[in-house]
Amino acid sequence: MVLNVGFVAVELTYGLLSSSMALVADAAHNLGDVAGIGLAWAATVVARSRPTPRRTYGLRKATVLAALANAMLLLLTVGAVAVEAVQRLWEPQAVPGLTLVVVAAVGVVINGVSALAFMPRHEHDHDVNRRGAFLHLAADAAVSLAVVVAGAAMMMVSDWWWLDPVTGLLVSAVVLMTTWSLLREALGQALDAVPGHVDAEAVRRFLEGQAGVEDVHDLHIWPLGSTEVALTVHLVIPEGRQDPGLLAALSGGLREGFGIGHCTIQVETPETRDDCARALQGCG
């Protein structure tokens, strides 16, 4: 945050002094990322709060809401920058290419180093909050590199001032593409959709394939936060085929195979299934 706040101040100052839309666009994007990192940080701290009688899951969902707010903030920033860049296309202004190259090159280094701090730790790291911060910072590094290229081109061809607002529009397009998937996933998790890394049908097949299980219904999978997944399900198992160690085996299998660590499993018999309100309602 310290690195990025300092760079935003420098980049915005030079962008305004040099009338560079590309630098102003990149500074606005970096400012959004500073806010995003702050949101991600605050949400991670809040999510560690212990459950209470009123909030029985604690505040783990704060990380999902932070990712959603992060994405929406960036979309608003993109819109404002794109409008200004389009206006500049009609009236291009002279921009010192050397200023663009030097300032944006600093941005490549700062954003690259910052992105490394948020890089997913392993291939199974599905933390949408952490991934949001990483994607934005990595996109910033790429965008700053594009500004370096634009500045170098304007140094070689002195009257290509139109390249500055075009670069601003390209910045906006890159940010939009990297933000859209994050927005969709964060919105889905906020609405308790099955997390993208969990295959609900594969979970159902896993449960149906367990010895003694005759039916699976009322299966629900949803995120507790950006890193934890919960599941509830009803299993129909005849009394004579109920293995005492089945629930522990199921919990372990769901955790290891699907990353679902919070399971609630209700066992029914074929006789009691007919009394299950959820089964009678057809809840698959």
C-alpha atoms as a PDB file:
ATOM      1  CA  MET A   1       0.000   0.000   0.000  1.00  0.00           C
ATOM      2  CA  VAL A   2       2.842   2.392   0.845  1.00  0.00           C
ATOM      3  CA  LEU A   3       4.566   1.706  -2.484  1.00  0.00           C
ATOM      4  CA  ASN A   4       1.382   2.161  -4.480  1.00  0.00           C
ATOM      5  CA  VAL A   5       0.162   5.294  -2.672  1.00  0.00           C
ATOM      6  CA  GLY A   6       3.513   6.947  -3.290  1.00  0.00           C
ATOM      7  CA  PHE A   7       3.501   5.949  -6.937  1.00  0.00           C
ATOM      8  CA  VAL A   8      -0.066   7.173  -7.482  1.00  0.00           C
ATOM      9  CA  ALA A   9       0.932  10.618  -6.208  1.00  0.00           C
ATOM     10  CA  VAL A  10       3.973  10.764  -8.497  1.00  0.00           C
ATOM     11  CA  GLU A  11       2.193   9.377 -11.553  1.00  0.00           C
ATOM     12  CA  LEU A  12      -0.856  11.619 -11.197  1.00  0.00           C
ATOM     13  CA  THR A  13       1.343  14.694 -10.734  1.00  0.00           C
ATOM     14  CA  TYR A  14       3.395  13.996 -13.845  1.00  0.00           C
ATOM     15  CA  GLY A  15       0.296  12.974 -15.774  1.00  0.00           C
ATOM     16  CA  LEU A  16      -1.416  16.304 -15.068  1.00  0.00           C
ATOM     17  CA  LEU A  17       1.733  18.369 -15.671  1.00  0.00           C
ATOM     18  CA  SER A  18       2.365  16.639 -19.004  1.00  0.00           C
ATOM     19  CA  SER A  19      -1.341  16.384 -20.012  1.00  0.00           C
ATOM     20  CA  SER A  20      -0.873  12.635 -20.474  1.00  0.00           C
ATOM     21  CA  MET A  21      -4.126  10.679 -20.555  1.00  0.00           C
ATOM     22  CA  ALA A  22      -2.175   7.419 -20.407  1.00  0.00           C
ATOM     23  CA  LEU A  23      -0.470   8.392 -17.129  1.00  0.00           C
ATOM     24  CA  VAL A  24      -3.671   9.768 -15.625  1.00  0.00           C
ATOM     25  CA  ALA A  25      -5.506   6.557 -16.605  1.00  0.00           C
ATOM     26  CA  ASP A  26      -2.813   4.398 -15.060  1.00  0.00           C
ATOM     27  CA  ALA A  27      -2.769   6.552 -11.896  1.00  0.00           C
ATOM     28  CA  ALA A  28      -6.553   6.246 -11.559  1.00  0.00           C
ATOM     29  CA  HIS A  29      -6.288   2.487 -11.945  1.00  0.00           C
ATOM     30  CA  ASN A  30      -3.507   2.330  -9.368  1.00  0.00           C
ATOM     31  CA  LEU A  31      -5.607   4.395  -6.967  1.00  0.00           C
ATOM     32  CA  GLY A  32      -8.413   1.858  -7.365  1.00  0.00           C
ATOM     33  CA  ASP A  33      -5.961  -0.906  -6.563  1.00  0.00           C
ATOM     34  CA  VAL A  34      -4.793   0.912  -3.428  1.00  0.00           C
ATOM     35  CA  ALA A  35      -8.411   0.990  -2.285  1.00  0.00           C
ATOM     36  CA  GLY A  36      -8.765  -2.643  -3.316  1.00  0.00           C
ATOM     37  CA  ILE A  37      -5.737  -3.733  -1.319  1.00  0.00           C
ATOM     38  CA  GLY A  38      -7.098  -1.811   1.667  1.00  0.00           C
ATOM     39  CA  LEU A  39     -10.475  -3.520   1.302  1.00  0.00           C
ATOM     40  CA  ALA A  40      -8.862  -6.945   0.964  1.00  0.00           C
ATOM     41  CA  TRP A  41      -6.684  -6.314   4.010  1.00  0.00           C
ATOM     42  CA  ALA A  42      -9.544  -5.035   6.157  1.00  0.00           C
ATOM     43  CA  ALA A  43     -11.817  -7.892   5.089  1.00  0.00           C
ATOM     44  CA  THR A  44      -9.173 -10.493   5.939  1.00  0.00           C
ATOM     45  CA  VAL A  45      -8.840  -9.041   9.442  1.00  0.00           C
ATOM     46  CA  VAL A  46     -12.629  -8.829   9.932  1.00  0.00           C
ATOM     47  CA  ALA A  47     -13.117 -12.393   8.655  1.00  0.00           C
ATOM     48  CA  ARG A  48     -11.020 -13.726  11.556  1.00  0.00           C
ATOM     49  CA  SER A  49     -13.612 -12.600  14.099  1.00  0.00           C
ATOM     50  CA  ARG A  50     -15.132 -15.425  16.092  1.00  0.00           C
ATOM     51  CA  PRO A  51     -18.737 -16.569  15.587  1.00  0.00           C
ATOM     52  CA  THR A  52     -21.416 -15.073  17.841  1.00  0.00           C
ATOM     53  CA  PRO A  53     -24.965 -16.191  18.734  1.00  0.00           C
ATOM     54  CA  ARG A  54     -26.221 -13.722  16.124  1.00  0.00           C
ATOM     55  CA  ARG A  55     -23.558 -14.350  13.442  1.00  0.00           C
ATOM     56  CA  THR A  56     -22.997 -18.072  13.772  1.00  0.00           C
ATOM     57  CA  TYR A  57     -20.539 -18.194  10.859  1.00  0.00           C
ATOM     58  CA  GLY A  58     -18.670 -15.111  12.029  1.00  0.00           C
ATOM     59  CA  LEU A  59     -17.850 -12.499   9.379  1.00  0.00           C
ATOM     60  CA  ARG A  60     -16.067 -14.722   6.870  1.00  0.00           C
ATOM     61  CA  LYS A  61     -18.225 -13.426   4.012  1.00  0.00           C
ATOM     62  CA  ALA A  62     -16.528 -10.021   4.399  1.00  0.00           C
ATOM     63  CA  THR A  63     -13.740 -11.250   2.094  1.00  0.00           C
ATOM     64  CA  VAL A  64     -16.271 -11.961  -0.672  1.00  0.00           C
ATOM     65  CA  LEU A  65     -17.914  -8.565  -0.222  1.00  0.00           C
ATOM     66  CA  ALA A  66     -14.474  -6.907  -0.392  1.00  0.00           C
ATOM     67  CA  ALA A  67     -13.708  -8.631  -3.700  1.00  0.00           C
ATOM     68  CA  LEU A  68     -17.118  -7.546  -5.035  1.00  0.00           C
ATOM     69  CA  ALA A  69     -16.580  -3.935  -3.936  1.00  0.00           C
ATOM     70  CA  ASN A  70     -13.079  -4.038  -5.413  1.00  0.00           C
ATOM     71  CA  ALA A  71     -14.400  -5.116  -8.816  1.00  0.00           C
ATOM     72  CA  MET A  72     -17.193  -2.526  -8.844  1.00  0.00           C
ATOM     73  CA  LEU A  73     -14.776   0.254  -7.878  1.00  0.00           C
ATOM     74  CA  LEU A  74     -12.489  -0.650 -10.756  1.00  0.00           C
ATOM     75  CA  LEU A  75     -15.365  -0.716 -13.246  1.00  0.00           C
ATOM     76  CA  LEU A  76     -16.350   2.812 -12.226  1.00  0.00           C
ATOM     77  CA  THR A  77     -12.752   3.940 -12.626  1.00  0.00           C
ATOM     78  CA  VAL A  78     -12.545   2.346 -16.068  1.00  0.00           C
ATOM     79  CA  GLY A  79     -15.686   4.160 -17.192  1.00  0.00           C
ATOM     80  CA  ALA A  80     -14.414   7.569 -16.108  1.00  0.00           C
ATOM     81  CA  VAL A  81     -11.025   7.065 -17.767  1.00  0.00           C
ATOM     82  CA  ALA A  82     -12.532   5.753 -21.013  1.00  0.00           C
ATOM     83  CA  VAL A  83     -14.835   8.787 -21.355  1.00  0.00           C
ATOM     84  CA  GLU A  84     -11.917  11.187 -20.915  1.00  0.00           C
ATOM     85  CA  ALA A  85      -9.744   9.217 -23.361  1.00  0.00           C
ATOM     86  CA  VAL A  86     -12.450   9.326 -26.062  1.00  0.00           C
ATOM     87  CA  GLN A  87     -12.706  13.104 -25.647  1.00  0.00           C
ATOM     88  CA  ARG A  88      -8.922  13.383 -26.013  1.00  0.00           C
ATOM     89  CA  LEU A  89      -9.035  11.427 -29.289  1.00  0.00           C
ATOM     90  CA  TRP A  90     -10.822  14.354 -30.937  1.00  0.00           C
ATOM     91  CA  GLU A  91      -8.358  16.890 -29.568  1.00  0.00           C
ATOM     92  CA  PRO A  92      -4.971  15.195 -29.010  1.00  0.00           C
ATOM     93  CA  GLN A  93      -2.505  17.112 -26.862  1.00  0.00           C
ATOM     94  CA  ALA A  94       1.276  17.108 -27.043  1.00  0.00           C
ATOM     95  CA  VAL A  95       2.740  14.688 -24.498  1.00  0.00           C
ATOM     96  CA  PRO A  96       6.446  14.348 -23.559  1.00  0.00           C
ATOM     97  CA  GLY A  97       7.297  10.759 -24.408  1.00  0.00           C
ATOM     98  CA  LEU A  98      10.313  10.620 -22.093  1.00  0.00           C
ATOM     99  CA  THR A  99       8.118  11.458 -19.090  1.00  0.00           C
ATOM    100  CA  LEU A 100       5.782   8.592 -19.965  1.00  0.00           C
ATOM    101  CA  VAL A 101       8.644   6.139 -20.332  1.00  0.00           C
ATOM    102  CA  VAL A 102      10.367   7.015 -17.030  1.00  0.00           C
ATOM    103  CA  VAL A 103       7.253   7.252 -14.831  1.00  0.00           C
ATOM    104  CA  ALA A 104       5.572   4.171 -16.309  1.00  0.00           C
ATOM    105  CA  ALA A 105       8.803   2.143 -16.011  1.00  0.00           C
ATOM    106  CA  VAL A 106       8.787   2.855 -12.266  1.00  0.00           C
ATOM    107  CA  GLY A 107       5.187   1.627 -12.260  1.00  0.00           C
ATOM    108  CA  VAL A 108       6.200  -1.675 -13.894  1.00  0.00           C
ATOM    109  CA  VAL A 109       8.665  -2.343 -11.068  1.00  0.00           C
ATOM    110  CA  ILE A 110       6.378  -1.269  -8.201  1.00  0.00           C
ATOM    111  CA  ASN A 111       3.301  -3.123  -9.489  1.00  0.00           C
ATOM    112  CA  GLY A 112       5.356  -6.208 -10.305  1.00  0.00           C
ATOM    113  CA  VAL A 113       6.824  -6.370  -6.795  1.00  0.00           C
ATOM    114  CA  SER A 114       3.410  -5.727  -5.227  1.00  0.00           C
ATOM    115  CA  ALA A 115       1.780  -8.453  -7.354  1.00  0.00           C
ATOM    116  CA  LEU A 116       4.318 -11.012  -6.136  1.00  0.00           C
ATOM    117  CA  ALA A 117       3.142 -10.396  -2.559  1.00  0.00           C
ATOM    118  CA  PHE A 118      -0.374 -11.539  -3.539  1.00  0.00           C
ATOM    119  CA  MET A 119       0.555 -14.383  -5.896  1.00  0.00           C
ATOM    120  CA  PRO A 120      -1.508 -17.537  -5.138  1.00  0.00           C
ATOM    121  CA  ARG A 121       0.568 -19.841  -2.962  1.00  0.00           C
ATOM    122  CA  HIS A 122      -0.372 -23.014  -4.860  1.00  0.00           C
ATOM    123  CA  GLU A 123      -2.642 -24.262  -7.663  1.00  0.00           C
ATOM    124  CA  HIS A 124      -5.451 -25.007  -5.198  1.00  0.00           C
ATOM    125  CA  ASP A 125      -5.506 -21.481  -3.765  1.00  0.00           C
ATOM    126  CA  HIS A 126      -9.048 -20.329  -4.666  1.00  0.00           C
ATOM    127  CA  ASP A 127      -9.154 -17.237  -2.444  1.00  0.00           C
ATOM    128  CA  VAL A 128     -11.126 -14.793  -4.622  1.00  0.00           C
ATOM    129  CA  ASN A 129     -10.133 -11.916  -2.332  1.00  0.00           C
ATOM    130  CA  ARG A 130      -6.403 -12.616  -2.713  1.00  0.00           C
ATOM    131  CA  ARG A 131      -6.753 -13.412  -6.424  1.00  0.00           C
ATOM    132  CA  GLY A 132      -8.528 -10.106  -7.007  1.00  0.00           C
ATOM    133  CA  ALA A 133      -5.622  -8.148  -5.533  1.00  0.00           C
ATOM    134  CA  PHE A 134      -3.084 -10.208  -7.488  1.00  0.00           C
ATOM    135  CA  LEU A 135      -4.884  -9.824 -10.841  1.00  0.00           C
ATOM    136  CA  HIS A 136      -5.235  -6.079 -10.449  1.00  0.00           C
ATOM    137  CA  LEU A 137      -1.598  -5.531  -9.572  1.00  0.00           C
ATOM    138  CA  ALA A 138      -0.391  -7.855 -12.327  1.00  0.00           C
ATOM    139  CA  ALA A 139      -2.640  -6.016 -14.799  1.00  0.00           C
ATOM    140  CA  ASP A 140      -1.174  -2.726 -13.550  1.00  0.00           C
ATOM    141  CA  ALA A 141       2.332  -3.937 -14.344  1.00  0.00           C
ATOM    142  CA  ALA A 142       1.250  -4.932 -17.862  1.00  0.00           C
ATOM    143  CA  VAL A 143      -0.592  -1.643 -18.377  1.00  0.00           C
ATOM    144  CA  SER A 144       2.413   0.390 -17.211  1.00  0.00           C
ATOM    145  CA  LEU A 145       4.525  -1.551 -19.687  1.00  0.00           C
ATOM    146  CA  ALA A 146       2.088  -0.554 -22.450  1.00  0.00           C
ATOM    147  CA  VAL A 147       2.493   3.099 -21.430  1.00  0.00           C
ATOM    148  CA  VAL A 148       6.282   2.692 -21.664  1.00  0.00           C
ATOM    149  CA  VAL A 149       5.883   1.404 -25.228  1.00  0.00           C
ATOM    150  CA  ALA A 150       3.538   4.289 -26.132  1.00  0.00           C
ATOM    151  CA  GLY A 151       5.975   6.840 -24.697  1.00  0.00           C
ATOM    152  CA  ALA A 152       8.861   5.321 -26.643  1.00  0.00           C
ATOM    153  CA  ALA A 153       6.801   5.449 -29.855  1.00  0.00           C
ATOM    154  CA  MET A 154       5.984   9.148 -29.303  1.00  0.00           C
ATOM    155  CA  MET A 155       9.671   9.871 -28.740  1.00  0.00           C
ATOM    156  CA  MET A 156      10.458   8.382 -32.145  1.00  0.00           C
ATOM    157  CA  VAL A 157       7.486   9.935 -34.019  1.00  0.00           C
ATOM    158  CA  SER A 158       6.863  13.386 -32.551  1.00  0.00           C
ATOM    159  CA  ASP A 159       3.345  13.995 -33.907  1.00  0.00           C
ATOM    160  CA  TRP A 160       1.755  10.736 -32.795  1.00  0.00           C
ATOM    161  CA  TRP A 161      -0.072  12.444 -29.888  1.00  0.00           C
ATOM    162  CA  TRP A 162      -3.191  10.375 -30.610  1.00  0.00           C
ATOM    163  CA  LEU A 163      -1.288   7.363 -29.263  1.00  0.00           C
ATOM    164  CA  ASP A 164      -1.694   8.692 -25.702  1.00  0.00           C
ATOM    165  CA  PRO A 165      -5.533   8.550 -25.525  1.00  0.00           C
ATOM    166  CA  VAL A 166      -5.488   5.286 -27.476  1.00  0.00           C
ATOM    167  CA  THR A 167      -3.213   3.827 -24.805  1.00  0.00           C
ATOM    168  CA  GLY A 168      -5.647   5.148 -22.186  1.00  0.00           C
ATOM    169  CA  LEU A 169      -8.445   3.225 -23.917  1.00  0.00           C
ATOM    170  CA  LEU A 170      -6.305   0.082 -24.111  1.00  0.00           C
ATOM    171  CA  VAL A 171      -5.619   0.433 -20.383  1.00  0.00           C
ATOM    172  CA  SER A 172      -9.364   0.580 -19.761  1.00  0.00           C
ATOM    173  CA  ALA A 173      -9.970  -2.488 -21.956  1.00  0.00           C
ATOM    174  CA  VAL A 174      -7.338  -4.547 -20.126  1.00  0.00           C
ATOM    175  CA  VAL A 175      -8.722  -3.551 -16.731  1.00  0.00           C
ATOM    176  CA  LEU A 176     -12.270  -4.370 -17.873  1.00  0.00           C
ATOM    177  CA  MET A 177     -11.284  -7.851 -19.031  1.00  0.00           C
ATOM    178  CA  THR A 178      -9.386  -8.691 -15.849  1.00  0.00           C
ATOM    179  CA  THR A 179     -12.127  -7.283 -13.639  1.00  0.00           C
ATOM    180  CA  TRP A 180     -15.169  -8.827 -15.321  1.00  0.00           C
ATOM    181  CA  SER A 181     -14.408 -12.447 -14.367  1.00  0.00           C
ATOM    182  CA  LEU A 182     -13.634 -11.368 -10.805  1.00  0.00           C
ATOM    183  CA  LEU A 183     -16.930  -9.470 -10.617  1.00  0.00           C
ATOM    184  CA  ARG A 184     -18.901 -12.495 -11.838  1.00  0.00           C
ATOM    185  CA  GLU A 185     -17.240 -14.867  -9.372  1.00  0.00           C
ATOM    186  CA  ALA A 186     -17.487 -12.475  -6.412  1.00  0.00           C
ATOM    187  CA  LEU A 187     -21.144 -11.739  -7.172  1.00  0.00           C
ATOM    188  CA  GLY A 188     -21.883 -15.456  -7.441  1.00  0.00           C
ATOM    189  CA  GLN A 189     -20.227 -16.154  -4.093  1.00  0.00           C
ATOM    190  CA  ALA A 190     -22.063 -13.232  -2.472  1.00  0.00           C
ATOM    191  CA  LEU A 191     -25.303 -14.883  -3.650  1.00  0.00           C
ATOM    192  CA  ASP A 192     -24.199 -18.291  -2.287  1.00  0.00           C
ATOM    193  CA  ALA A 193     -23.549 -19.875  -5.686  1.00  0.00           C
ATOM    194  CA  VAL A 194     -21.369 -23.003  -5.780  1.00  0.00           C
ATOM    195  CA  PRO A 195     -17.731 -21.769  -5.890  1.00  0.00           C
ATOM    196  CA  GLY A 196     -16.152 -22.039  -9.320  1.00  0.00           C
ATOM    197  CA  HIS A 197     -13.534 -24.594  -8.232  1.00  0.00           C
ATOM    198  CA  VAL A 198     -16.168 -27.042  -6.905  1.00  0.00           C
ATOM    199  CA  ASP A 199     -17.981 -29.394  -9.311  1.00  0.00           C
ATOM    200  CA  ALA A 200     -21.409 -29.923  -7.732  1.00  0.00           C
ATOM    201  CA  GLU A 201     -22.240 -32.898  -9.950  1.00  0.00           C
ATOM    202  CA  ALA A 202     -18.941 -34.564  -9.069  1.00  0.00           C
ATOM    203  CA  VAL A 203     -19.767 -34.068  -5.381  1.00  0.00           C
ATOM    204  CA  ARG A 204     -23.165 -35.703  -5.921  1.00  0.00           C
ATOM    205  CA  ARG A 205     -21.583 -38.653  -7.741  1.00  0.00           C
ATOM    206  CA  PHE A 206     -19.063 -39.045  -4.909  1.00  0.00           C
ATOM    207  CA  LEU A 207     -21.858 -39.198  -2.327  1.00  0.00           C
ATOM    208  CA  GLU A 208     -24.010 -41.539  -4.408  1.00  0.00           C
ATOM    209  CA  GLY A 209     -21.044 -43.871  -4.889  1.00  0.00           C
ATOM    210  CA  GLN A 210     -20.562 -44.497  -1.176  1.00  0.00           C
ATOM    211  CA  ALA A 211     -21.415 -47.981   0.069  1.00  0.00           C
ATOM    212  CA  GLY A 212     -24.963 -48.207   1.392  1.00  0.00           C
ATOM    213  CA  VAL A 213     -26.173 -44.866   0.020  1.00  0.00           C
ATOM    214  CA  GLU A 214     -29.465 -45.318  -1.847  1.00  0.00           C
ATOM    215  CA  ASP A 215     -30.400 -41.684  -2.416  1.00  0.00           C
ATOM    216  CA  VAL A 216     -28.966 -38.181  -2.147  1.00  0.00           C
ATOM    217  CA  HIS A 217     -31.207 -35.132  -1.832  1.00  0.00           C
ATOM    218  CA  ASP A 218     -31.293 -31.576  -0.489  1.00  0.00           C
ATOM    219  CA  LEU A 219     -27.650 -31.046  -1.488  1.00  0.00           C
ATOM    220  CA  HIS A 220     -26.386 -27.484  -0.990  1.00  0.00           C
ATOM    221  CA  ILE A 221     -22.865 -26.130  -1.496  1.00  0.00           C
ATOM    222  CA  TRP A 222     -21.946 -22.505  -0.827  1.00  0.00           C
ATOM    223  CA  PRO A 223     -18.962 -20.348   0.197  1.00  0.00           C
ATOM    224  CA  LEU A 224     -18.593 -19.265   3.813  1.00  0.00           C
ATOM    225  CA  GLY A 225     -15.978 -16.756   2.669  1.00  0.00           C
ATOM    226  CA  SER A 226     -13.375 -16.474  -0.038  1.00  0.00           C
ATOM    227  CA  THR A 227     -11.486 -19.564   1.181  1.00  0.00           C
ATOM    228  CA  GLU A 228     -13.979 -21.833   2.992  1.00  0.00           C
ATOM    229  CA  VAL A 229     -16.798 -23.913   1.526  1.00  0.00           C
ATOM    230  CA  ALA A 230     -19.799 -25.453   3.324  1.00  0.00           C
ATOM    231  CA  LEU A 231     -22.093 -28.338   2.400  1.00  0.00           C
ATOM    232  CA  THR A 232     -25.367 -29.754   3.706  1.00  0.00           C
ATOM    233  CA  VAL A 233     -26.983 -32.923   2.368  1.00  0.00           C
ATOM    234  CA  HIS A 234     -29.472 -35.681   3.218  1.00  0.00           C
ATOM    235  CA  LEU A 235     -28.345 -39.293   2.601  1.00  0.00           C
ATOM    236  CA  VAL A 236     -30.748 -42.250   2.556  1.00  0.00           C
ATOM    237  CA  ILE A 237     -29.080 -45.386   3.981  1.00  0.00           C
ATOM    238  CA  PRO A 238     -30.908 -48.529   5.215  1.00  0.00           C
ATOM    239  CA  GLU A 239     -30.340 -49.180   8.923  1.00  0.00           C
ATOM    240  CA  GLY A 240     -28.482 -52.435   8.400  1.00  0.00           C
ATOM    241  CA  ARG A 241     -26.016 -50.787   6.005  1.00  0.00           C
ATOM    242  CA  GLN A 242     -25.048 -47.757   8.072  1.00  0.00           C
ATOM    243  CA  ASP A 243     -21.277 -47.814   8.697  1.00  0.00           C
ATOM    244  CA  PRO A 244     -20.290 -46.066  11.974  1.00  0.00           C
ATOM    245  CA  GLY A 245     -17.249 -44.574  10.256  1.00  0.00           C
ATOM    246  CA  LEU A 246     -19.119 -43.353   7.177  1.00  0.00           C
ATOM    247  CA  LEU A 247     -19.617 -39.745   8.268  1.00  0.00           C
ATOM    248  CA  ALA A 248     -15.931 -39.302   9.128  1.00  0.00           C
ATOM    249  CA  ALA A 249     -14.931 -40.881   5.806  1.00  0.00           C
ATOM    250  CA  LEU A 250     -17.330 -38.635   3.896  1.00  0.00           C
ATOM    251  CA  SER A 251     -16.103 -35.499   5.639  1.00  0.00           C
ATOM    252  CA  GLY A 252     -12.496 -36.435   4.905  1.00  0.00           C
ATOM    253  CA  GLY A 253     -13.258 -37.255   1.264  1.00  0.00           C
ATOM    254  CA  LEU A 254     -15.124 -33.994   0.703  1.00  0.00           C
ATOM    255  CA  ARG A 255     -12.316 -32.018   2.297  1.00  0.00           C
ATOM    256  CA  GLU A 256      -9.489 -33.715   0.395  1.00  0.00           C
ATOM    257  CA  GLY A 257     -11.243 -34.171  -2.948  1.00  0.00           C
ATOM    258  CA  PHE A 258     -13.255 -30.961  -3.235  1.00  0.00           C
ATOM    259  CA  GLY A 259     -11.916 -28.508  -0.656  1.00  0.00           C
ATOM    260  CA  ILE A 260     -15.194 -28.585   1.292  1.00  0.00           C
ATOM    261  CA  GLY A 261     -14.253 -28.287   4.951  1.00  0.00           C
ATOM    262  CA  HIS A 262     -17.581 -27.558   6.669  1.00  0.00           C
ATOM    263  CA  CYS A 263     -20.015 -30.477   6.189  1.00  0.00           C
ATOM    264  CA  THR A 264     -23.404 -31.188   7.731  1.00  0.00           C
ATOM    265  CA  ILE A 265     -24.775 -34.601   6.732  1.00  0.00           C
ATOM    266  CA  GLN A 266     -28.238 -35.862   7.707  1.00  0.00           C
ATOM    267  CA  VAL A 267     -28.706 -39.618   7.475  1.00  0.00           C
ATOM    268  CA  GLU A 268     -32.187 -41.040   6.803  1.00  0.00           C
ATOM    269  CA  THR A 269     -33.569 -44.510   6.220  1.00  0.00           C
ATOM    270  CA  PRO A 270     -35.894 -45.415   3.339  1.00  0.00           C
ATOM    271  CA  GLU A 271     -38.775 -45.339   5.862  1.00  0.00           C
ATOM    272  CA  THR A 272     -37.978 -41.920   7.341  1.00  0.00           C
ATOM    273  CA  ARG A 273     -37.262 -40.481   3.894  1.00  0.00           C
ATOM    274  CA  ASP A 274     -41.005 -40.375   3.263  1.00  0.00           C
ATOM    275  CA  ASP A 275     -41.315 -38.071   6.284  1.00  0.00           C
ATOM    276  CA  CYS A 276     -38.552 -35.713   5.141  1.00  0.00           C
ATOM    277  CA  ALA A 277     -40.178 -32.432   4.142  1.00  0.00           C
ATOM    278  CA  ARG A 278     -37.245 -31.560   1.875  1.00  0.00           C
ATOM    279  CA  ALA A 279     -37.509 -34.851   0.023  1.00  0.00           C
ATOM    280  CA  LEU A 280     -41.275 -34.468  -0.391  1.00  0.00           C
ATOM    281  CA  GLN A 281     -40.684 -30.999  -1.862  1.00  0.00           C
ATOM    282  CA  GLY A 282     -38.395 -32.514  -4.493  1.00  0.00           C
ATOM    283  CA  CYS A 283     -35.234 -30.806  -3.301  1.00  0.00           C
ATOM    284  CA  GLY A 284     -32.526 -32.588  -5.248  1.00  0.00           C
END
